[in-house]
Amino acid sequence: MAGRLILETERLLLREFDEDDAEAFYPLVSNPDVLRFTLDPSGGVSSVEQALEMLRSRSMSDYRKYGFGRLAVVEKASRQLIGFAGLKYLEERGEVDLGYRLLPTHWGRGFATESSRAILQDGFTRLGLSRIIATVFPENVASVRVLKKLGFAFEQPFEYEGHVLAQYVINMGEL
């Protein structure tokens, strides 16, 4: 059973994760290439069971708590889950963050930009947000390029867990 459909783009379906997604989600939280530019506190998981627990405690919990969260990105043509993208409320900062992660076989094909544009539009219209941030390692040039393409502007550097990160921001009306 697939999670509830939230958004659709030309090439993608963006839907809520459900427990049946654990196996397809596992490479997104265990592949070192995918994790290279993340601050995933788990440092990656080592089993599908751990991936399932991560889905339950993060995305699925966020849907219930906030009414939004990271969404499964499904390629229409193949019907395969190829990544995730979505908004996350950062309680400790009082900000809503855009995040995305794709399998390496789907990098460089515009999927991060396409999914993120739909998510931002939804955040500003349906959710009524006025500001959305994105946090990135400055050396992650592909992700910085996506953010700039979407209209994000560099706001400030900041240190988190010993890493210097860049915070980008987009306000309603700038998409």
C-alpha atoms as a PDB file:
ATOM      1  CA  MET A   1       0.000   0.000   0.000  1.00  0.00           C
ATOM      2  CA  ALA A   2       1.437   3.366  -1.005  1.00  0.00           C
ATOM      3  CA  GLY A   3       1.199   6.427   1.220  1.00  0.00           C
ATOM      4  CA  ARG A   4      -1.196   9.272   0.518  1.00  0.00           C
ATOM      5  CA  LEU A   5      -0.386  11.247  -2.642  1.00  0.00           C
ATOM      6  CA  ILE A   6       0.481  14.835  -1.820  1.00  0.00           C
ATOM      7  CA  LEU A   7       1.871  16.333  -5.039  1.00  0.00           C
ATOM      8  CA  GLU A   8       2.404  15.426  -8.673  1.00  0.00           C
ATOM      9  CA  THR A   9       4.815  16.925 -11.187  1.00  0.00           C
ATOM     10  CA  GLU A  10       5.497  16.140 -14.820  1.00  0.00           C
ATOM     11  CA  ARG A  11       7.773  13.189 -13.973  1.00  0.00           C
ATOM     12  CA  LEU A  12       7.246  12.558 -10.268  1.00  0.00           C
ATOM     13  CA  LEU A  13       4.735  11.549  -7.626  1.00  0.00           C
ATOM     14  CA  LEU A  14       5.382  12.906  -4.131  1.00  0.00           C
ATOM     15  CA  ARG A  15       3.578  10.959  -1.448  1.00  0.00           C
ATOM     16  CA  GLU A  16       3.751  10.171   2.211  1.00  0.00           C
ATOM     17  CA  PHE A  17       6.007   7.310   3.208  1.00  0.00           C
ATOM     18  CA  ASP A  18       4.457   4.186   4.654  1.00  0.00           C
ATOM     19  CA  GLU A  19       5.946   1.085   6.245  1.00  0.00           C
ATOM     20  CA  ASP A  20       6.087  -0.773   2.921  1.00  0.00           C
ATOM     21  CA  ASP A  21       8.720   1.739   1.755  1.00  0.00           C
ATOM     22  CA  ALA A  22      11.403   0.593   4.226  1.00  0.00           C
ATOM     23  CA  GLU A  23      13.315  -1.571   1.741  1.00  0.00           C
ATOM     24  CA  ALA A  24      13.397   1.138  -0.955  1.00  0.00           C
ATOM     25  CA  PHE A  25      14.209   3.789   1.690  1.00  0.00           C
ATOM     26  CA  TYR A  26      17.155   1.803   3.072  1.00  0.00           C
ATOM     27  CA  PRO A  27      19.735   2.865   0.394  1.00  0.00           C
ATOM     28  CA  LEU A  28      18.881   6.530   1.058  1.00  0.00           C
ATOM     29  CA  VAL A  29      20.012   6.172   4.671  1.00  0.00           C
ATOM     30  CA  SER A  30      22.853   3.684   4.254  1.00  0.00           C
ATOM     31  CA  ASN A  31      24.698   4.463   1.004  1.00  0.00           C
ATOM     32  CA  PRO A  32      27.916   6.403   1.812  1.00  0.00           C
ATOM     33  CA  ASP A  33      27.674   8.396  -1.442  1.00  0.00           C
ATOM     34  CA  VAL A  34      24.165   9.542  -0.523  1.00  0.00           C
ATOM     35  CA  LEU A  35      25.153  10.329   3.079  1.00  0.00           C
ATOM     36  CA  ARG A  36      28.341  12.216   2.200  1.00  0.00           C
ATOM     37  CA  PHE A  37      26.826  15.686   2.544  1.00  0.00           C
ATOM     38  CA  THR A  38      24.315  14.982   5.307  1.00  0.00           C
ATOM     39  CA  LEU A  39      24.394  15.463   9.031  1.00  0.00           C
ATOM     40  CA  ASP A  40      22.336  12.365   9.577  1.00  0.00           C
ATOM     41  CA  PRO A  41      22.782  11.768  13.298  1.00  0.00           C
ATOM     42  CA  SER A  42      22.464   8.032  12.745  1.00  0.00           C
ATOM     43  CA  GLY A  43      25.514   8.046  10.482  1.00  0.00           C
ATOM     44  CA  GLY A  44      23.584   5.669   8.300  1.00  0.00           C
ATOM     45  CA  VAL A  45      21.649   2.553   9.160  1.00  0.00           C
ATOM     46  CA  SER A  46      22.709  -1.050   8.779  1.00  0.00           C
ATOM     47  CA  SER A  47      19.404  -2.856   8.195  1.00  0.00           C
ATOM     48  CA  VAL A  48      15.985  -2.501   6.598  1.00  0.00           C
ATOM     49  CA  GLU A  49      14.519  -2.789  10.105  1.00  0.00           C
ATOM     50  CA  GLN A  50      16.488   0.285  11.192  1.00  0.00           C
ATOM     51  CA  ALA A  51      15.330   2.103   8.054  1.00  0.00           C
ATOM     52  CA  LEU A  52      11.728   1.266   8.972  1.00  0.00           C
ATOM     53  CA  GLU A  53      12.228   2.617  12.483  1.00  0.00           C
ATOM     54  CA  MET A  54      13.722   5.789  11.001  1.00  0.00           C
ATOM     55  CA  LEU A  55      10.653   6.229   8.769  1.00  0.00           C
ATOM     56  CA  ARG A  56       8.351   5.737  11.754  1.00  0.00           C
ATOM     57  CA  SER A  57      10.234   8.105  14.063  1.00  0.00           C
ATOM     58  CA  ARG A  58      10.870  10.858  11.519  1.00  0.00           C
ATOM     59  CA  SER A  59       8.701  11.293   8.421  1.00  0.00           C
ATOM     60  CA  MET A  60       5.662   9.346   9.588  1.00  0.00           C
ATOM     61  CA  SER A  61       5.800  11.015  13.003  1.00  0.00           C
ATOM     62  CA  ASP A  62       6.133  14.465  11.384  1.00  0.00           C
ATOM     63  CA  TYR A  63       2.996  13.880   9.257  1.00  0.00           C
ATOM     64  CA  ARG A  64       0.994  13.304  12.444  1.00  0.00           C
ATOM     65  CA  LYS A  65       2.647  16.074  14.463  1.00  0.00           C
ATOM     66  CA  TYR A  66       2.903  18.899  11.901  1.00  0.00           C
ATOM     67  CA  GLY A  67       0.795  17.843   8.910  1.00  0.00           C
ATOM     68  CA  PHE A  68       3.854  17.738   6.640  1.00  0.00           C
ATOM     69  CA  GLY A  69       7.252  16.074   6.370  1.00  0.00           C
ATOM     70  CA  ARG A  70       9.727  14.493   3.989  1.00  0.00           C
ATOM     71  CA  LEU A  71       7.916  12.734   1.132  1.00  0.00           C
ATOM     72  CA  ALA A  72       8.733   9.710  -0.981  1.00  0.00           C
ATOM     73  CA  VAL A  73       9.786  10.744  -4.494  1.00  0.00           C
ATOM     74  CA  VAL A  74       8.483   8.214  -7.009  1.00  0.00           C
ATOM     75  CA  GLU A  75       9.454   8.342 -10.672  1.00  0.00           C
ATOM     76  CA  LYS A  76       6.268   8.027 -12.737  1.00  0.00           C
ATOM     77  CA  ALA A  77       7.924   6.215 -15.643  1.00  0.00           C
ATOM     78  CA  SER A  78       9.367   3.386 -13.541  1.00  0.00           C
ATOM     79  CA  ARG A  79       7.028   3.611 -10.499  1.00  0.00           C
ATOM     80  CA  GLN A  80      10.194   3.303  -8.378  1.00  0.00           C
ATOM     81  CA  LEU A  81      10.939   5.210  -5.189  1.00  0.00           C
ATOM     82  CA  ILE A  82      14.057   7.197  -6.122  1.00  0.00           C
ATOM     83  CA  GLY A  83      14.475   9.456  -3.123  1.00  0.00           C
ATOM     84  CA  PHE A  84      12.804  11.800  -0.728  1.00  0.00           C
ATOM     85  CA  ALA A  85      12.107  15.509  -0.619  1.00  0.00           C
ATOM     86  CA  GLY A  86      10.056  17.676   1.626  1.00  0.00           C
ATOM     87  CA  LEU A  87       9.723  20.100   4.457  1.00  0.00           C
ATOM     88  CA  LYS A  88      10.718  19.469   8.047  1.00  0.00           C
ATOM     89  CA  TYR A  89       9.956  21.622  11.052  1.00  0.00           C
ATOM     90  CA  LEU A  90      13.147  22.220  13.040  1.00  0.00           C
ATOM     91  CA  GLU A  91      11.858  22.703  16.587  1.00  0.00           C
ATOM     92  CA  GLU A  92      15.233  23.787  17.963  1.00  0.00           C
ATOM     93  CA  ARG A  93      15.427  26.644  15.434  1.00  0.00           C
ATOM     94  CA  GLY A  94      11.759  27.458  14.867  1.00  0.00           C
ATOM     95  CA  GLU A  95      12.297  27.146  11.108  1.00  0.00           C
ATOM     96  CA  VAL A  96      10.921  25.004   8.286  1.00  0.00           C
ATOM     97  CA  ASP A  97      13.668  23.335   6.265  1.00  0.00           C
ATOM     98  CA  LEU A  98      13.602  22.001   2.700  1.00  0.00           C
ATOM     99  CA  GLY A  99      15.556  18.791   2.272  1.00  0.00           C
ATOM    100  CA  TYR A 100      16.014  16.247  -0.484  1.00  0.00           C
ATOM    101  CA  ARG A 101      17.999  13.102  -1.119  1.00  0.00           C
ATOM    102  CA  LEU A 102      18.097  10.976  -4.276  1.00  0.00           C
ATOM    103  CA  LEU A 103      19.676   7.679  -5.214  1.00  0.00           C
ATOM    104  CA  PRO A 104      22.942   8.252  -7.144  1.00  0.00           C
ATOM    105  CA  THR A 105      21.470   6.662 -10.291  1.00  0.00           C
ATOM    106  CA  HIS A 106      19.036   9.590 -10.411  1.00  0.00           C
ATOM    107  CA  TRP A 107      21.447  12.448  -9.760  1.00  0.00           C
ATOM    108  CA  GLY A 108      21.893  15.127 -12.424  1.00  0.00           C
ATOM    109  CA  ARG A 109      18.487  14.619 -14.025  1.00  0.00           C
ATOM    110  CA  GLY A 110      16.638  17.565 -12.496  1.00  0.00           C
ATOM    111  CA  PHE A 111      14.584  15.516 -10.042  1.00  0.00           C
ATOM    112  CA  ALA A 112      15.744  17.471  -6.965  1.00  0.00           C
ATOM    113  CA  THR A 113      14.756  20.763  -8.592  1.00  0.00           C
ATOM    114  CA  GLU A 114      11.448  19.415  -9.904  1.00  0.00           C
ATOM    115  CA  SER A 115      10.359  17.868  -6.613  1.00  0.00           C
ATOM    116  CA  SER A 116      11.561  20.811  -4.532  1.00  0.00           C
ATOM    117  CA  ARG A 117       9.753  23.385  -6.674  1.00  0.00           C
ATOM    118  CA  ALA A 118       6.449  21.556  -6.122  1.00  0.00           C
ATOM    119  CA  ILE A 119       7.148  21.253  -2.392  1.00  0.00           C
ATOM    120  CA  LEU A 120       7.966  24.954  -2.057  1.00  0.00           C
ATOM    121  CA  GLN A 121       4.799  25.959  -3.923  1.00  0.00           C
ATOM    122  CA  ASP A 122       2.773  23.712  -1.615  1.00  0.00           C
ATOM    123  CA  GLY A 123       4.513  25.113   1.454  1.00  0.00           C
ATOM    124  CA  PHE A 124       3.750  28.691   0.509  1.00  0.00           C
ATOM    125  CA  THR A 125       0.179  28.104  -0.707  1.00  0.00           C
ATOM    126  CA  ARG A 126      -1.429  25.194   1.175  1.00  0.00           C
ATOM    127  CA  LEU A 127       0.644  25.443   4.365  1.00  0.00           C
ATOM    128  CA  GLY A 128       0.780  29.252   4.369  1.00  0.00           C
ATOM    129  CA  LEU A 129       4.489  29.454   5.154  1.00  0.00           C
ATOM    130  CA  SER A 130       6.200  32.801   4.605  1.00  0.00           C
ATOM    131  CA  ARG A 131       9.824  31.596   4.786  1.00  0.00           C
ATOM    132  CA  ILE A 132      11.611  28.299   4.127  1.00  0.00           C
ATOM    133  CA  ILE A 133      15.279  27.605   4.764  1.00  0.00           C
ATOM    134  CA  ALA A 134      17.692  25.029   3.396  1.00  0.00           C
ATOM    135  CA  THR A 135      20.944  24.001   5.010  1.00  0.00           C
ATOM    136  CA  VAL A 136      23.814  22.727   2.908  1.00  0.00           C
ATOM    137  CA  PHE A 137      27.493  21.922   3.070  1.00  0.00           C
ATOM    138  CA  PRO A 138      29.076  24.715   0.958  1.00  0.00           C
ATOM    139  CA  GLU A 139      31.145  22.116  -0.921  1.00  0.00           C
ATOM    140  CA  ASN A 140      27.978  20.323  -2.064  1.00  0.00           C
ATOM    141  CA  VAL A 141      27.944  22.336  -5.289  1.00  0.00           C
ATOM    142  CA  ALA A 142      25.154  20.303  -6.901  1.00  0.00           C
ATOM    143  CA  SER A 143      22.799  21.038  -4.017  1.00  0.00           C
ATOM    144  CA  VAL A 144      23.793  24.718  -3.905  1.00  0.00           C
ATOM    145  CA  ARG A 145      23.028  24.885  -7.646  1.00  0.00           C
ATOM    146  CA  VAL A 146      19.557  23.403  -7.047  1.00  0.00           C
ATOM    147  CA  LEU A 147      18.830  25.948  -4.307  1.00  0.00           C
ATOM    148  CA  LYS A 148      19.928  28.886  -6.458  1.00  0.00           C
ATOM    149  CA  LYS A 149      17.865  27.595  -9.386  1.00  0.00           C
ATOM    150  CA  LEU A 150      14.827  27.555  -7.078  1.00  0.00           C
ATOM    151  CA  GLY A 151      15.424  31.163  -5.997  1.00  0.00           C
ATOM    152  CA  PHE A 152      17.039  30.610  -2.599  1.00  0.00           C
ATOM    153  CA  ALA A 153      19.537  33.240  -1.459  1.00  0.00           C
ATOM    154  CA  PHE A 154      22.506  32.671   0.828  1.00  0.00           C
ATOM    155  CA  GLU A 155      21.639  33.993   4.278  1.00  0.00           C
ATOM    156  CA  GLN A 156      24.430  33.036   6.661  1.00  0.00           C
ATOM    157  CA  PRO A 157      27.080  30.507   7.561  1.00  0.00           C
ATOM    158  CA  PHE A 158      26.658  28.694  10.841  1.00  0.00           C
ATOM    159  CA  GLU A 159      28.371  25.965  12.786  1.00  0.00           C
ATOM    160  CA  TYR A 160      26.579  22.767  13.700  1.00  0.00           C
ATOM    161  CA  GLU A 161      28.183  19.764  15.368  1.00  0.00           C
ATOM    162  CA  GLY A 162      31.638  20.951  14.324  1.00  0.00           C
ATOM    163  CA  HIS A 163      30.703  21.560  10.673  1.00  0.00           C
ATOM    164  CA  VAL A 164      30.441  24.927   8.952  1.00  0.00           C
ATOM    165  CA  LEU A 165      27.228  24.932   6.936  1.00  0.00           C
ATOM    166  CA  ALA A 166      25.506  27.468   4.724  1.00  0.00           C
ATOM    167  CA  GLN A 167      21.924  28.501   5.326  1.00  0.00           C
ATOM    168  CA  TYR A 168      19.889  29.567   2.323  1.00  0.00           C
ATOM    169  CA  VAL A 169      16.436  31.135   2.477  1.00  0.00           C
ATOM    170  CA  ILE A 170      13.478  31.722   0.208  1.00  0.00           C
ATOM    171  CA  ASN A 171      10.475  33.854   1.113  1.00  0.00           C
ATOM    172  CA  MET A 172       6.935  33.664  -0.186  1.00  0.00           C
ATOM    173  CA  GLY A 173       6.775  35.395  -3.570  1.00  0.00           C
ATOM    174  CA  GLU A 174      10.391  34.635  -4.504  1.00  0.00           C
ATOM    175  CA  LEU A 175       9.796  31.243  -6.108  1.00  0.00           C
END
